[in-house]
Amino acid sequence: MNAEEEVWSKTYSITLPETMCCMPVSVSKQGNLVFSNNEKSRLFKYYPGTGEIRCLSLDLCVISPYL
């Protein structure tokens, strides 16, 4: 909870392999997190309800950093 604004925000805790670094890209309306791995810039989707991580596509890549 952010005490200054009195609002709650959802925080994700994802266990990834030690060699995998990632950067968040977006959160879907369903609450799933889309992130990119820094190594090959591939996109993944994390499903917090099941803890499952899926690669969205081997042909889909992030070409610019997230701001």
Protein backbone atom coordinates (compact mmCIF):
# COMPACT_ATOMS: atom_id res chain seq x y z
CA MET A 1 0.00 0.00 0.00
CA ASN A 2 1.18 3.49 -0.87
CA ALA A 3 0.42 5.41 2.35
CA GLU A 4 0.71 8.86 0.73
CA GLU A 5 -1.93 8.19 -1.91
CA GLU A 6 -3.86 5.58 0.14
CA VAL A 7 -3.99 3.14 -2.77
CA TRP A 8 -3.05 -0.51 -3.13
CA SER A 9 -0.85 -1.76 -5.95
CA LYS A 10 -0.26 -5.31 -7.09
CA THR A 11 3.30 -6.60 -6.74
CA TYR A 12 4.64 -9.65 -8.53
CA SER A 13 7.17 -12.10 -7.17
CA ILE A 14 8.34 -14.49 -9.87
CA THR A 15 10.93 -17.21 -9.44
CA LEU A 16 13.07 -17.40 -12.57
CA PRO A 17 16.13 -19.44 -13.45
CA GLU A 18 19.29 -17.75 -12.12
CA THR A 19 20.54 -17.07 -15.64
CA MET A 20 17.36 -15.27 -16.75
CA CYS A 21 17.18 -11.49 -16.34
CA CYS A 22 13.93 -9.80 -17.25
CA MET A 23 12.21 -6.45 -17.67
CA PRO A 24 8.44 -5.85 -17.27
CA VAL A 25 6.61 -4.75 -20.40
CA SER A 26 2.92 -4.61 -19.43
CA VAL A 27 0.16 -6.04 -17.26
CA SER A 28 -2.94 -7.37 -19.02
CA LYS A 29 -6.51 -6.59 -17.94
CA GLN A 30 -6.61 -10.12 -16.48
CA GLY A 31 -3.59 -9.32 -14.27
CA ASN A 32 -1.06 -11.37 -16.24
CA LEU A 33 2.43 -9.89 -16.53
CA VAL A 34 4.19 -9.63 -19.89
CA PHE A 35 7.97 -9.35 -19.62
CA SER A 36 11.04 -9.53 -21.81
CA ASN A 37 14.22 -11.42 -21.08
CA ASN A 38 17.33 -9.32 -21.61
CA GLU A 39 19.34 -12.08 -23.26
CA LYS A 40 17.38 -12.58 -26.50
CA SER A 41 14.61 -9.98 -26.05
CA ARG A 42 11.89 -12.59 -26.27
CA LEU A 43 8.47 -11.96 -24.74
CA PHE A 44 7.03 -14.09 -21.95
CA LYS A 45 3.73 -14.06 -20.09
CA TYR A 46 3.43 -14.83 -16.37
CA TYR A 47 0.09 -16.13 -15.05
CA PRO A 48 -0.04 -15.29 -11.30
CA GLY A 49 -3.02 -17.58 -10.68
CA THR A 50 -1.05 -20.69 -11.69
CA GLY A 51 2.55 -19.43 -11.43
CA GLU A 52 3.05 -20.51 -15.04
CA ILE A 53 5.44 -18.71 -17.42
CA ARG A 54 4.95 -19.12 -21.18
CA CYS A 55 6.96 -17.82 -24.11
CA LEU A 56 4.55 -15.79 -26.28
CA SER A 57 6.41 -16.47 -29.52
CA LEU A 58 9.91 -17.36 -30.65
CA ASP A 59 9.47 -14.87 -33.53
CA LEU A 60 8.31 -11.95 -31.35
CA CYS A 61 11.03 -9.67 -29.97
CA VAL A 62 11.29 -6.45 -28.00
CA ILE A 63 13.23 -3.86 -29.98
CA SER A 64 13.10 -0.89 -27.60
CA PRO A 65 13.47 -0.54 -23.86
CA TYR A 66 10.47 -0.14 -21.55
CA LEU A 67 10.02 3.37 -20.08
